């Protein structure tokens, strides 16, 4: 692998928490907004969700299926992990300086992911963890309670991505929220700007300049 390339991992022990959407939108932010050369590496051997999104749309960066034998020609690689961990995946995980862990805003998901992080001894590794409370509906008191608990009980960095209809809309187009500019109806522009601000805030927690 290229010693100069930097890696970010997006992992969670639960499926359906938004790993692929976060991977695509983070890569889109670094490429389309920050101007970096970026690739996404889809490590999911079954669904290959990121690969499907790339084939469906016109993302301005490549998505590779599986870890390549040759070094990616990019400054940054975002690794989209499956919802488990084994010895080989741990090797890939440890390539990263940062691991982004999305969490749905429910007490059950929060407890399950916290336990899995302990069971897999994720926090004992050398990378830095960023926990992302994903699809938060701040109108719901139980979800606000999870947000408060998360921020009060972890020393990891925490980001919040709200429940916005624009995220599945642009993913359905095979795009991220940055590359979707001009590709969605004008009525969606405010949501698009708000989503871009959220993803950019998450990207700024990742010190890989």
C-alpha atoms as a PDB file:
ATOM      1  CA  UNK A   1       0.000   0.000   0.000  1.00  0.00           C
ATOM      2  CA  UNK A   2       1.008   3.593  -0.588  1.00  0.00           C
ATOM      3  CA  UNK A   3       2.566   4.848   2.641  1.00  0.00           C
ATOM      4  CA  UNK A   4       1.369   8.368   1.798  1.00  0.00           C
ATOM      5  CA  UNK A   5      -2.290   7.484   1.408  1.00  0.00           C
ATOM      6  CA  UNK A   6      -4.431   8.061   4.487  1.00  0.00           C
ATOM      7  CA  UNK A   7      -7.284   5.786   5.536  1.00  0.00           C
ATOM      8  CA  UNK A   8     -10.573   6.416   7.309  1.00  0.00           C
ATOM      9  CA  UNK A   9     -12.660   3.429   8.377  1.00  0.00           C
ATOM     10  CA  UNK A  10     -16.449   3.477   8.739  1.00  0.00           C
ATOM     11  CA  UNK A  11     -17.509   0.512  10.876  1.00  0.00           C
ATOM     12  CA  UNK A  12     -20.354  -0.602  13.102  1.00  0.00           C
ATOM     13  CA  UNK A  13     -21.284  -4.036  14.479  1.00  0.00           C
ATOM     14  CA  UNK A  14     -24.906  -3.399  13.443  1.00  0.00           C
ATOM     15  CA  UNK A  15     -26.315  -3.322   9.947  1.00  0.00           C
ATOM     16  CA  UNK A  16     -28.650  -0.581   8.757  1.00  0.00           C
ATOM     17  CA  UNK A  17     -27.010   2.235  10.717  1.00  0.00           C
ATOM     18  CA  UNK A  18     -25.865   4.204   7.665  1.00  0.00           C
ATOM     19  CA  UNK A  19     -22.240   3.109   7.177  1.00  0.00           C
ATOM     20  CA  UNK A  20     -22.364   3.231   3.400  1.00  0.00           C
ATOM     21  CA  UNK A  21     -24.222   6.551   3.256  1.00  0.00           C
ATOM     22  CA  UNK A  22     -21.665   8.099   5.619  1.00  0.00           C
ATOM     23  CA  UNK A  23     -18.780   6.590   3.637  1.00  0.00           C
ATOM     24  CA  UNK A  24     -20.103   8.030   0.364  1.00  0.00           C
ATOM     25  CA  UNK A  25     -20.889  11.449   1.804  1.00  0.00           C
ATOM     26  CA  UNK A  26     -17.566  11.752   3.640  1.00  0.00           C
ATOM     27  CA  UNK A  27     -15.677  10.826   0.475  1.00  0.00           C
ATOM     28  CA  UNK A  28     -17.837  13.279  -1.487  1.00  0.00           C
ATOM     29  CA  UNK A  29     -17.020  16.039   1.008  1.00  0.00           C
ATOM     30  CA  UNK A  30     -13.267  15.442   0.851  1.00  0.00           C
ATOM     31  CA  UNK A  31     -13.333  15.229  -2.956  1.00  0.00           C
ATOM     32  CA  UNK A  32     -15.994  17.678  -4.126  1.00  0.00           C
ATOM     33  CA  UNK A  33     -15.665  20.284  -1.364  1.00  0.00           C
ATOM     34  CA  UNK A  34     -12.081  19.964  -0.158  1.00  0.00           C
ATOM     35  CA  UNK A  35     -10.603  19.067  -3.540  1.00  0.00           C
ATOM     36  CA  UNK A  36      -8.801  15.863  -2.510  1.00  0.00           C
ATOM     37  CA  UNK A  37      -8.225  12.743  -4.584  1.00  0.00           C
ATOM     38  CA  UNK A  38     -10.366  10.120  -2.853  1.00  0.00           C
ATOM     39  CA  UNK A  39     -11.479   6.536  -3.297  1.00  0.00           C
ATOM     40  CA  UNK A  40     -13.971   4.393  -1.398  1.00  0.00           C
ATOM     41  CA  UNK A  41     -13.109   0.746  -0.751  1.00  0.00           C
ATOM     42  CA  UNK A  42     -16.185  -1.441  -0.297  1.00  0.00           C
ATOM     43  CA  UNK A  43     -15.241  -4.292   2.060  1.00  0.00           C
ATOM     44  CA  UNK A  44     -18.746  -5.787   2.289  1.00  0.00           C
ATOM     45  CA  UNK A  45     -18.430  -9.169   0.505  1.00  0.00           C
ATOM     46  CA  UNK A  46     -22.155  -9.795   0.127  1.00  0.00           C
ATOM     47  CA  UNK A  47     -24.283  -6.716  -0.520  1.00  0.00           C
ATOM     48  CA  UNK A  48     -21.618  -4.418  -2.043  1.00  0.00           C
ATOM     49  CA  UNK A  49     -23.878  -1.420  -1.388  1.00  0.00           C
ATOM     50  CA  UNK A  50     -21.270   1.222  -2.157  1.00  0.00           C
ATOM     51  CA  UNK A  51     -20.401  -0.517  -5.425  1.00  0.00           C
ATOM     52  CA  UNK A  52     -24.090  -0.530  -6.406  1.00  0.00           C
ATOM     53  CA  UNK A  53     -24.367   3.211  -5.694  1.00  0.00           C
ATOM     54  CA  UNK A  54     -21.311   3.898  -7.849  1.00  0.00           C
ATOM     55  CA  UNK A  55     -22.706   1.914 -10.778  1.00  0.00           C
ATOM     56  CA  UNK A  56     -26.083   3.636 -10.459  1.00  0.00           C
ATOM     57  CA  UNK A  57     -24.910   7.238 -10.495  1.00  0.00           C
ATOM     58  CA  UNK A  58     -22.054   9.501 -11.399  1.00  0.00           C
ATOM     59  CA  UNK A  59     -19.928   9.899  -8.316  1.00  0.00           C
ATOM     60  CA  UNK A  60     -16.778  11.915  -9.083  1.00  0.00           C
ATOM     61  CA  UNK A  61     -14.484   9.399  -7.371  1.00  0.00           C
ATOM     62  CA  UNK A  62     -13.933   5.640  -7.751  1.00  0.00           C
ATOM     63  CA  UNK A  63     -15.290   2.849  -5.574  1.00  0.00           C
ATOM     64  CA  UNK A  64     -13.268  -0.353  -5.385  1.00  0.00           C
ATOM     65  CA  UNK A  65     -14.723  -3.741  -4.485  1.00  0.00           C
ATOM     66  CA  UNK A  66     -12.472  -5.283  -1.837  1.00  0.00           C
ATOM     67  CA  UNK A  67      -9.005  -4.210  -0.759  1.00  0.00           C
ATOM     68  CA  UNK A  68      -6.898  -3.854  -3.915  1.00  0.00           C
ATOM     69  CA  UNK A  69      -3.522  -5.543  -4.383  1.00  0.00           C
ATOM     70  CA  UNK A  70      -2.064  -2.342  -5.798  1.00  0.00           C
ATOM     71  CA  UNK A  71      -2.070   0.955  -3.936  1.00  0.00           C
ATOM     72  CA  UNK A  72      -5.020   3.243  -4.714  1.00  0.00           C
ATOM     73  CA  UNK A  73      -4.045   6.406  -6.549  1.00  0.00           C
ATOM     74  CA  UNK A  74      -5.560   8.772  -4.022  1.00  0.00           C
ATOM     75  CA  UNK A  75      -4.684  10.963  -1.068  1.00  0.00           C
ATOM     76  CA  UNK A  76      -7.456   9.442   1.032  1.00  0.00           C
ATOM     77  CA  UNK A  77      -9.279   6.099   1.090  1.00  0.00           C
ATOM     78  CA  UNK A  78     -12.547   5.600   2.947  1.00  0.00           C
ATOM     79  CA  UNK A  79     -13.055   1.970   3.987  1.00  0.00           C
ATOM     80  CA  UNK A  80     -16.717   0.887   4.133  1.00  0.00           C
ATOM     81  CA  UNK A  81     -16.759  -2.123   6.489  1.00  0.00           C
ATOM     82  CA  UNK A  82     -19.255  -4.961   6.910  1.00  0.00           C
ATOM     83  CA  UNK A  83     -21.031  -5.224  10.294  1.00  0.00           C
ATOM     84  CA  UNK A  84     -18.563  -7.645  11.871  1.00  0.00           C
ATOM     85  CA  UNK A  85     -14.882  -7.933  12.646  1.00  0.00           C
ATOM     86  CA  UNK A  86     -12.331 -10.677  11.993  1.00  0.00           C
ATOM     87  CA  UNK A  87      -8.539 -10.857  11.934  1.00  0.00           C
ATOM     88  CA  UNK A  88      -8.202  -9.661   8.333  1.00  0.00           C
ATOM     89  CA  UNK A  89     -10.678  -6.817   8.782  1.00  0.00           C
ATOM     90  CA  UNK A  90      -8.835  -5.754  11.931  1.00  0.00           C
ATOM     91  CA  UNK A  91      -5.654  -5.450   9.859  1.00  0.00           C
ATOM     92  CA  UNK A  92      -7.533  -3.102   7.500  1.00  0.00           C
ATOM     93  CA  UNK A  93      -9.056  -1.221  10.434  1.00  0.00           C
ATOM     94  CA  UNK A  94      -5.617  -0.554  11.857  1.00  0.00           C
ATOM     95  CA  UNK A  95      -4.530   1.156   8.636  1.00  0.00           C
ATOM     96  CA  UNK A  96      -6.688   4.066   9.739  1.00  0.00           C
ATOM     97  CA  UNK A  97      -5.966   7.041  11.935  1.00  0.00           C
ATOM     98  CA  UNK A  98      -9.716   7.501  12.479  1.00  0.00           C
ATOM     99  CA  UNK A  99     -12.618   5.067  12.765  1.00  0.00           C
ATOM    100  CA  UNK A 100     -16.105   6.509  12.288  1.00  0.00           C
ATOM    101  CA  UNK A 101     -18.814   4.522  14.105  1.00  0.00           C
ATOM    102  CA  UNK A 102     -22.426   5.420  13.250  1.00  0.00           C
ATOM    103  CA  UNK A 103     -25.065   4.804  15.927  1.00  0.00           C
ATOM    104  CA  UNK A 104     -28.833   4.997  15.524  1.00  0.00           C
ATOM    105  CA  UNK A 105     -30.438   7.200  18.221  1.00  0.00           C
ATOM    106  CA  UNK A 106     -32.073   4.438  20.237  1.00  0.00           C
ATOM    107  CA  UNK A 107     -31.138   3.188  23.689  1.00  0.00           C
ATOM    108  CA  UNK A 108     -30.936  -0.378  22.345  1.00  0.00           C
ATOM    109  CA  UNK A 109     -28.532   0.518  19.529  1.00  0.00           C
ATOM    110  CA  UNK A 110     -26.440   2.677  21.835  1.00  0.00           C
ATOM    111  CA  UNK A 111     -26.094  -0.159  24.362  1.00  0.00           C
ATOM    112  CA  UNK A 112     -25.410  -2.820  21.713  1.00  0.00           C
ATOM    113  CA  UNK A 113     -22.724  -0.818  19.926  1.00  0.00           C
ATOM    114  CA  UNK A 114     -21.071   0.256  23.180  1.00  0.00           C
ATOM    115  CA  UNK A 115     -20.878  -3.399  24.233  1.00  0.00           C
ATOM    116  CA  UNK A 116     -19.526  -4.488  20.845  1.00  0.00           C
ATOM    117  CA  UNK A 117     -16.792  -1.838  20.974  1.00  0.00           C
ATOM    118  CA  UNK A 118     -15.741  -3.301  24.326  1.00  0.00           C
ATOM    119  CA  UNK A 119     -16.037  -6.925  23.161  1.00  0.00           C
ATOM    120  CA  UNK A 120     -13.903  -6.302  20.069  1.00  0.00           C
ATOM    121  CA  UNK A 121     -11.512  -4.176  22.164  1.00  0.00           C
ATOM    122  CA  UNK A 122     -11.801  -1.446  19.549  1.00  0.00           C
ATOM    123  CA  UNK A 123     -10.902   1.325  21.979  1.00  0.00           C
ATOM    124  CA  UNK A 124      -7.586  -0.346  22.796  1.00  0.00           C
ATOM    125  CA  UNK A 125      -6.280   0.217  19.263  1.00  0.00           C
ATOM    126  CA  UNK A 126      -4.127   3.161  18.178  1.00  0.00           C
ATOM    127  CA  UNK A 127      -6.721   4.943  16.029  1.00  0.00           C
ATOM    128  CA  UNK A 128      -9.116   7.655  17.191  1.00  0.00           C
ATOM    129  CA  UNK A 129     -12.855   6.925  17.310  1.00  0.00           C
ATOM    130  CA  UNK A 130     -15.540   9.318  16.130  1.00  0.00           C
ATOM    131  CA  UNK A 131     -19.059   8.280  17.116  1.00  0.00           C
ATOM    132  CA  UNK A 132     -21.781   9.591  14.809  1.00  0.00           C
ATOM    133  CA  UNK A 133     -25.337   9.732  16.057  1.00  0.00           C
ATOM    134  CA  UNK A 134     -26.990   9.100  12.706  1.00  0.00           C
ATOM    135  CA  UNK A 135     -30.536   9.937  11.578  1.00  0.00           C
ATOM    136  CA  UNK A 136     -31.345  11.904  14.737  1.00  0.00           C
ATOM    137  CA  UNK A 137     -34.890  13.306  15.001  1.00  0.00           C
ATOM    138  CA  UNK A 138     -34.473  16.023  17.628  1.00  0.00           C
ATOM    139  CA  UNK A 139     -38.261  16.279  18.027  1.00  0.00           C
ATOM    140  CA  UNK A 140     -38.254  12.924  19.813  1.00  0.00           C
ATOM    141  CA  UNK A 141     -37.416  13.108  23.495  1.00  0.00           C
ATOM    142  CA  UNK A 142     -36.001   9.563  23.602  1.00  0.00           C
ATOM    143  CA  UNK A 143     -33.589  10.387  20.775  1.00  0.00           C
ATOM    144  CA  UNK A 144     -32.499  13.609  22.486  1.00  0.00           C
ATOM    145  CA  UNK A 145     -31.893  11.516  25.615  1.00  0.00           C
ATOM    146  CA  UNK A 146     -29.615   9.161  23.658  1.00  0.00           C
ATOM    147  CA  UNK A 147     -27.724  12.155  22.268  1.00  0.00           C
ATOM    148  CA  UNK A 148     -27.255  13.549  25.798  1.00  0.00           C
ATOM    149  CA  UNK A 149     -26.131  10.163  27.155  1.00  0.00           C
ATOM    150  CA  UNK A 150     -23.655   9.652  24.323  1.00  0.00           C
ATOM    151  CA  UNK A 151     -22.065  13.066  24.770  1.00  0.00           C
ATOM    152  CA  UNK A 152     -21.868  12.646  28.549  1.00  0.00           C
ATOM    153  CA  UNK A 153     -20.460   9.108  28.674  1.00  0.00           C
ATOM    154  CA  UNK A 154     -17.765   8.976  26.006  1.00  0.00           C
ATOM    155  CA  UNK A 155     -14.410  10.654  25.653  1.00  0.00           C
ATOM    156  CA  UNK A 156     -14.490  10.017  21.894  1.00  0.00           C
ATOM    157  CA  UNK A 157     -15.362  12.755  19.432  1.00  0.00           C
ATOM    158  CA  UNK A 158     -19.094  12.900  18.687  1.00  0.00           C
ATOM    159  CA  UNK A 159     -20.887  14.164  15.565  1.00  0.00           C
ATOM    160  CA  UNK A 160     -24.608  14.361  14.835  1.00  0.00           C
ATOM    161  CA  UNK A 161     -26.271  13.742  11.470  1.00  0.00           C
ATOM    162  CA  UNK A 162     -29.975  14.500  11.511  1.00  0.00           C
ATOM    163  CA  UNK A 163     -32.779  12.537   9.926  1.00  0.00           C
ATOM    164  CA  UNK A 164     -33.126  14.314   6.573  1.00  0.00           C
ATOM    165  CA  UNK A 165     -34.956  13.012   3.519  1.00  0.00           C
ATOM    166  CA  UNK A 166     -32.218  14.456   1.303  1.00  0.00           C
ATOM    167  CA  UNK A 167     -29.740  11.735   2.320  1.00  0.00           C
ATOM    168  CA  UNK A 168     -31.650   8.732   0.876  1.00  0.00           C
ATOM    169  CA  UNK A 169     -32.752  10.893  -2.051  1.00  0.00           C
ATOM    170  CA  UNK A 170     -29.225  11.652  -3.255  1.00  0.00           C
ATOM    171  CA  UNK A 171     -27.968   8.134  -2.469  1.00  0.00           C
ATOM    172  CA  UNK A 172     -30.831   6.841  -4.615  1.00  0.00           C
ATOM    173  CA  UNK A 173     -29.449   9.001  -7.429  1.00  0.00           C
ATOM    174  CA  UNK A 174     -26.022   7.445  -6.927  1.00  0.00           C
ATOM    175  CA  UNK A 175     -24.578  10.687  -5.537  1.00  0.00           C
ATOM    176  CA  UNK A 176     -23.434  12.346  -2.321  1.00  0.00           C
ATOM    177  CA  UNK A 177     -24.796  15.584  -0.882  1.00  0.00           C
ATOM    178  CA  UNK A 178     -21.948  17.604  -2.416  1.00  0.00           C
ATOM    179  CA  UNK A 179     -21.948  16.121  -5.919  1.00  0.00           C
ATOM    180  CA  UNK A 180     -25.782  16.310  -5.966  1.00  0.00           C
ATOM    181  CA  UNK A 181     -25.709  20.097  -6.318  1.00  0.00           C
ATOM    182  CA  UNK A 182     -27.767  20.933  -9.385  1.00  0.00           C
ATOM    183  CA  UNK A 183     -29.076  17.352  -9.606  1.00  0.00           C
ATOM    184  CA  UNK A 184     -32.075  17.717  -7.238  1.00  0.00           C
ATOM    185  CA  UNK A 185     -35.129  19.961  -7.298  1.00  0.00           C
ATOM    186  CA  UNK A 186     -34.618  23.530  -6.058  1.00  0.00           C
ATOM    187  CA  UNK A 187     -37.123  22.816  -3.285  1.00  0.00           C
ATOM    188  CA  UNK A 188     -34.496  20.489  -1.781  1.00  0.00           C
ATOM    189  CA  UNK A 189     -31.697  23.072  -1.766  1.00  0.00           C
ATOM    190  CA  UNK A 190     -32.099  24.107   1.881  1.00  0.00           C
ATOM    191  CA  UNK A 191     -31.944  20.483   3.057  1.00  0.00           C
ATOM    192  CA  UNK A 192     -28.956  19.929   0.789  1.00  0.00           C
ATOM    193  CA  UNK A 193     -27.067  22.874   2.311  1.00  0.00           C
ATOM    194  CA  UNK A 194     -27.890  21.718   5.848  1.00  0.00           C
ATOM    195  CA  UNK A 195     -26.734  18.181   5.054  1.00  0.00           C
ATOM    196  CA  UNK A 196     -23.518  19.506   3.510  1.00  0.00           C
ATOM    197  CA  UNK A 197     -22.834  21.506   6.685  1.00  0.00           C
ATOM    198  CA  UNK A 198     -23.336  18.375   8.833  1.00  0.00           C
ATOM    199  CA  UNK A 199     -20.987  16.240   6.764  1.00  0.00           C
ATOM    200  CA  UNK A 200     -18.397  19.006   6.590  1.00  0.00           C
ATOM    201  CA  UNK A 201     -18.515  19.307  10.409  1.00  0.00           C
ATOM    202  CA  UNK A 202     -17.888  15.563  10.672  1.00  0.00           C
ATOM    203  CA  UNK A 203     -15.026  15.788   8.152  1.00  0.00           C
ATOM    204  CA  UNK A 204     -13.412  18.564  10.197  1.00  0.00           C
ATOM    205  CA  UNK A 205     -13.179  16.215  13.191  1.00  0.00           C
ATOM    206  CA  UNK A 206     -10.909  14.034  11.041  1.00  0.00           C
ATOM    207  CA  UNK A 207      -7.423  15.534  11.191  1.00  0.00           C
ATOM    208  CA  UNK A 208      -5.867  14.010   8.066  1.00  0.00           C
ATOM    209  CA  UNK A 209      -4.690  17.168   6.328  1.00  0.00           C
END
